[in-house]
Protein backbone atom coordinates (compact mmCIF):
# COMPACT_ATOMS: atom_id res chain seq x y z
CA UNK A 1 43.09 -48.57 -175.87
CA UNK A 2 43.29 -45.23 -174.08
CA UNK A 3 43.00 -42.04 -176.12
CA UNK A 4 45.16 -38.96 -175.50
CA UNK A 5 44.37 -35.60 -177.05
CA UNK A 6 47.46 -33.45 -177.70
CA UNK A 7 46.77 -29.71 -178.11
CA UNK A 8 49.93 -27.90 -179.27
CA UNK A 9 50.60 -25.51 -182.14
CA UNK A 10 54.14 -26.87 -182.66
CA UNK A 11 53.59 -29.53 -185.32
CA UNK A 12 57.06 -31.01 -184.88
CA UNK A 13 56.61 -31.49 -181.14
CA UNK A 14 53.10 -32.78 -181.68
CA UNK A 15 54.38 -35.43 -184.10
CA UNK A 16 57.16 -36.43 -181.69
CA UNK A 17 54.70 -36.85 -178.80
CA UNK A 18 52.25 -38.76 -181.03
CA UNK A 19 54.89 -41.26 -182.18
CA UNK A 20 56.10 -41.77 -178.61
CA UNK A 21 52.59 -42.36 -177.25
CA UNK A 22 51.54 -44.65 -180.10
CA UNK A 23 54.64 -46.77 -179.45
CA UNK A 24 53.40 -47.11 -175.86
CA UNK A 25 49.99 -48.33 -177.00
CA UNK A 26 47.96 -45.11 -176.78
CA UNK A 27 45.65 -43.75 -179.47
CA UNK A 28 46.56 -40.12 -180.22
CA UNK A 29 44.33 -37.31 -181.46
CA UNK A 30 45.82 -33.87 -182.18
CA UNK A 31 44.74 -30.24 -182.43
CA UNK A 32 46.86 -27.25 -183.50
CA UNK A 33 44.85 -24.48 -181.81
CA UNK A 34 43.07 -24.02 -178.53
CA UNK A 35 39.51 -23.67 -179.78
CA UNK A 36 39.68 -26.83 -181.90
CA UNK A 37 41.33 -28.70 -179.03
CA UNK A 38 38.66 -27.59 -176.57
CA UNK A 39 35.87 -28.74 -178.90
CA UNK A 40 37.58 -32.12 -179.45
CA UNK A 41 37.95 -32.53 -175.68
CA UNK A 42 34.18 -32.10 -175.32
CA UNK A 43 33.13 -34.31 -178.23
CA UNK A 44 35.76 -37.10 -178.23
CA UNK A 45 35.97 -37.50 -174.42
CA UNK A 46 39.64 -38.65 -174.42
CA UNK A 47 41.21 -40.37 -171.41
CA UNK A 48 43.78 -37.57 -170.97
CA UNK A 49 44.68 -34.15 -172.40
CA UNK A 50 48.16 -32.77 -173.05
CA UNK A 51 47.75 -29.01 -173.38
CA UNK A 52 50.32 -26.35 -174.22
CA UNK A 53 49.85 -23.11 -172.28
CA UNK A 54 50.45 -20.78 -175.21
CA UNK A 55 47.97 -21.56 -177.97
CA UNK A 56 46.29 -19.53 -180.70
CA UNK A 57 42.54 -19.10 -180.43
CA UNK A 58 42.27 -20.17 -176.81
CA UNK A 59 45.04 -20.50 -174.24
CA UNK A 60 45.80 -23.63 -172.28
CA UNK A 61 44.71 -21.83 -169.13
CA UNK A 62 41.32 -21.03 -170.67
CA UNK A 63 40.90 -24.64 -171.82
CA UNK A 64 41.48 -25.90 -168.26
CA UNK A 65 39.09 -23.37 -166.75
CA UNK A 66 36.28 -23.91 -169.24
CA UNK A 67 36.48 -27.72 -169.14
CA UNK A 68 36.29 -27.74 -165.34
CA UNK A 69 33.50 -25.16 -165.39
CA UNK A 70 31.62 -27.52 -167.72
CA UNK A 71 32.16 -30.35 -165.17
CA UNK A 72 34.50 -32.21 -167.56
CA UNK A 73 36.92 -34.11 -165.33
CA UNK A 74 39.27 -35.45 -168.04
CA UNK A 75 42.79 -35.38 -166.55
CA UNK A 76 45.02 -32.62 -167.95
CA UNK A 77 48.83 -32.43 -168.23
CA UNK A 78 49.98 -28.90 -169.07
CA UNK A 79 53.11 -28.12 -171.11
CA UNK A 80 55.06 -24.88 -170.66
CA UNK A 81 58.27 -23.45 -172.09
CA UNK A 82 61.38 -22.95 -169.96
CA UNK A 83 61.35 -19.51 -168.37
CA UNK A 84 57.62 -19.08 -168.81
CA UNK A 85 56.39 -17.63 -165.54
CA UNK A 86 53.43 -19.63 -164.31
CA UNK A 87 51.95 -19.79 -160.84
CA UNK A 88 51.90 -23.56 -160.47
CA UNK A 89 49.55 -23.43 -157.50
CA UNK A 90 46.94 -21.49 -159.49
CA UNK A 91 47.46 -23.81 -162.47
CA UNK A 92 46.63 -26.86 -160.38
CA UNK A 93 43.79 -25.10 -158.56
CA UNK A 94 42.06 -24.30 -161.84
CA UNK A 95 42.00 -27.95 -162.83
CA UNK A 96 45.31 -29.13 -164.31
CA UNK A 97 46.50 -32.45 -162.89
CA UNK A 98 50.20 -32.09 -163.63
CA UNK A 99 52.75 -29.75 -165.18
CA UNK A 100 55.75 -30.48 -167.43
CA UNK A 101 58.37 -27.96 -168.60
CA UNK A 102 59.76 -28.08 -172.16
CA UNK A 103 62.14 -29.47 -173.19
CA UNK A 104 61.28 -32.72 -171.42
CA UNK A 105 62.55 -36.26 -171.76
CA UNK A 106 60.48 -39.12 -173.13
CA UNK A 107 60.64 -41.03 -169.85
CA UNK A 108 59.57 -38.01 -167.79
CA UNK A 109 56.50 -37.26 -169.89
CA UNK A 110 55.45 -40.92 -169.99
CA UNK A 111 55.90 -41.23 -166.23
CA UNK A 112 53.75 -38.15 -165.63
CA UNK A 113 51.03 -39.40 -167.99
CA UNK A 114 50.91 -42.84 -166.41
CA UNK A 115 50.88 -41.39 -162.89
CA UNK A 116 47.96 -39.09 -163.73
CA UNK A 117 46.03 -41.90 -165.42
CA UNK A 118 46.59 -44.14 -162.39
CA UNK A 119 45.41 -41.46 -159.98
CA UNK A 120 42.31 -40.60 -161.97
CA UNK A 121 41.24 -44.09 -163.08
CA UNK A 122 42.02 -46.24 -160.02
CA UNK A 123 38.79 -47.63 -158.62
CA UNK A 124 37.00 -45.47 -161.17
CA UNK A 125 33.63 -47.14 -160.63
CA UNK A 126 33.87 -47.50 -156.87
CA UNK A 127 31.99 -45.60 -154.20
CA UNK A 128 34.00 -44.92 -151.04
CA UNK A 129 32.50 -43.99 -147.67
CA UNK A 130 33.52 -42.78 -144.25
CA UNK A 131 31.32 -41.47 -141.45
CA UNK A 132 28.45 -39.55 -143.14
CA UNK A 133 30.44 -38.89 -146.34
CA UNK A 134 30.17 -40.74 -149.67
CA UNK A 135 32.55 -40.33 -152.63
CA UNK A 136 31.44 -41.50 -156.07
CA UNK A 137 34.76 -41.92 -157.90
CA UNK A 138 33.13 -42.47 -161.28
CA UNK A 139 31.21 -39.18 -161.17
CA UNK A 140 33.67 -37.34 -158.90
CA UNK A 141 30.78 -36.39 -156.63
CA UNK A 142 31.11 -36.02 -152.86
CA UNK A 143 28.04 -36.12 -150.62
CA UNK A 144 27.68 -35.62 -146.89
CA UNK A 145 24.45 -36.79 -145.27
CA UNK A 146 23.01 -36.96 -148.79
CA UNK A 147 23.89 -33.38 -149.70
CA UNK A 148 26.48 -32.71 -152.40
CA UNK A 149 29.64 -30.99 -151.19
CA UNK A 150 31.54 -28.82 -153.67
CA UNK A 151 35.29 -29.52 -153.73
CA UNK A 152 37.97 -28.03 -155.96
CA UNK A 153 39.89 -30.54 -158.13
CA UNK A 154 42.85 -30.34 -155.74
CA UNK A 155 40.66 -30.88 -152.66
CA UNK A 156 38.97 -33.84 -154.33
CA UNK A 157 42.28 -35.46 -155.33
CA UNK A 158 43.63 -34.98 -151.80
CA UNK A 159 40.51 -36.56 -150.30
CA UNK A 160 40.81 -39.61 -152.58
CA UNK A 161 44.50 -39.98 -151.69
CA UNK A 162 43.61 -39.97 -147.99
CA UNK A 163 40.89 -42.57 -148.58
CA UNK A 164 43.35 -44.79 -150.44
CA UNK A 165 45.84 -44.57 -147.54
CA UNK A 166 43.79 -44.97 -144.35
CA UNK A 167 45.45 -44.89 -140.91
CA UNK A 168 48.88 -44.30 -142.44
CA UNK A 169 51.23 -41.44 -141.48
CA UNK A 170 51.73 -39.34 -144.63
CA UNK A 171 54.42 -36.68 -144.93
CA UNK A 172 53.62 -33.41 -146.67
CA UNK A 173 56.17 -34.20 -149.38
CA UNK A 174 54.58 -37.60 -149.96
CA UNK A 175 51.17 -35.95 -150.32
CA UNK A 176 52.51 -33.28 -152.70
CA UNK A 177 54.20 -35.81 -154.96
CA UNK A 178 51.21 -38.15 -155.05
CA UNK A 179 48.35 -35.66 -155.26
CA UNK A 180 49.84 -32.82 -157.28
CA UNK A 181 52.01 -35.09 -159.40
CA UNK A 182 55.46 -33.50 -159.38
CA UNK A 183 58.26 -33.15 -156.87
CA UNK A 184 59.35 -29.49 -157.00
CA UNK A 185 56.29 -27.93 -155.43
CA UNK A 186 56.83 -24.38 -154.06
CA UNK A 187 56.11 -25.24 -150.41
CA UNK A 188 54.28 -27.67 -148.17
CA UNK A 189 51.89 -25.04 -146.81
CA UNK A 190 49.69 -25.86 -149.78
CA UNK A 191 48.95 -29.25 -148.19
CA UNK A 192 48.07 -27.60 -144.87
CA UNK A 193 45.69 -25.16 -146.58
CA UNK A 194 43.88 -27.95 -148.41
CA UNK A 195 43.59 -30.11 -145.27
CA UNK A 196 41.99 -27.13 -143.50
CA UNK A 197 39.45 -26.88 -146.33
CA UNK A 198 38.62 -30.61 -146.12
CA UNK A 199 38.14 -30.31 -142.35
CA UNK A 200 35.81 -27.34 -142.81
CA UNK A 201 33.72 -29.19 -145.38
CA UNK A 202 33.73 -32.77 -144.05
CA UNK A 203 34.51 -32.82 -140.30
CA UNK A 204 31.73 -32.60 -137.67
CA UNK A 205 33.94 -30.03 -135.91
CA UNK A 206 36.79 -28.56 -137.96
CA UNK A 207 38.56 -27.41 -134.77
CA UNK A 208 38.53 -30.91 -133.29
CA UNK A 209 39.05 -33.18 -136.31
CA UNK A 210 38.25 -36.88 -136.09
CA UNK A 211 39.28 -37.96 -139.57
CA UNK A 212 41.99 -35.64 -140.98
CA UNK A 213 44.49 -35.76 -138.15
CA UNK A 214 47.77 -33.90 -137.77
CA UNK A 215 50.79 -36.07 -136.99
CA UNK A 216 53.21 -33.63 -135.38
CA UNK A 217 56.66 -33.67 -136.96
CA UNK A 218 55.43 -35.85 -139.82
CA UNK A 219 52.31 -34.65 -141.63
CA UNK A 220 48.82 -36.13 -141.56
CA UNK A 221 46.89 -39.35 -141.00
CA UNK A 222 43.39 -40.13 -142.23
CA UNK A 223 41.13 -42.15 -139.94
CA UNK A 224 37.89 -43.32 -141.58
């Protein structure tokens, strides 16, 4: 049974989410403030976190940052109120895996949770390789010629998506929806920027890529 930690100071919403998730077969643990939630995330090691942005004691943003800084890779779905101005790009860059705006429907939240769990647990104990690069999916460690390469969470997720879809033309929208986990992303230049970073870190020559190829008029194709 997978465990989900819900960190939200709205007890009514917390209870609603807990009942919904338990009906779907999840085990639910709750916290009403950020500091308690952060400590439970470290000690309980849940399969997924649902974190409200505005929390007493420690904000949702701080929870994401500190967990990733501590090399905790538990997937995180962030909740935010309607009208709350959040830079979604920065939110995802700092370690959140998806983003849901309140009020949300039961089906939407469940779909987001299941999508994130699929992305982060698929082939969880496998090691993938191409050229001189090795990706340990269990430890989320990337090595090139034996040396560890530091990737941001978004870069890592994009790399894994490419590895799971070799030699297949992928549109920018397809990549956004699959890697970042929601459909209304600000613009597709985010994909281009992250592909550039992967080329710089993993290609023999970033200016003449062999693996992360541009498909003009479409998007990208990964050739192992």
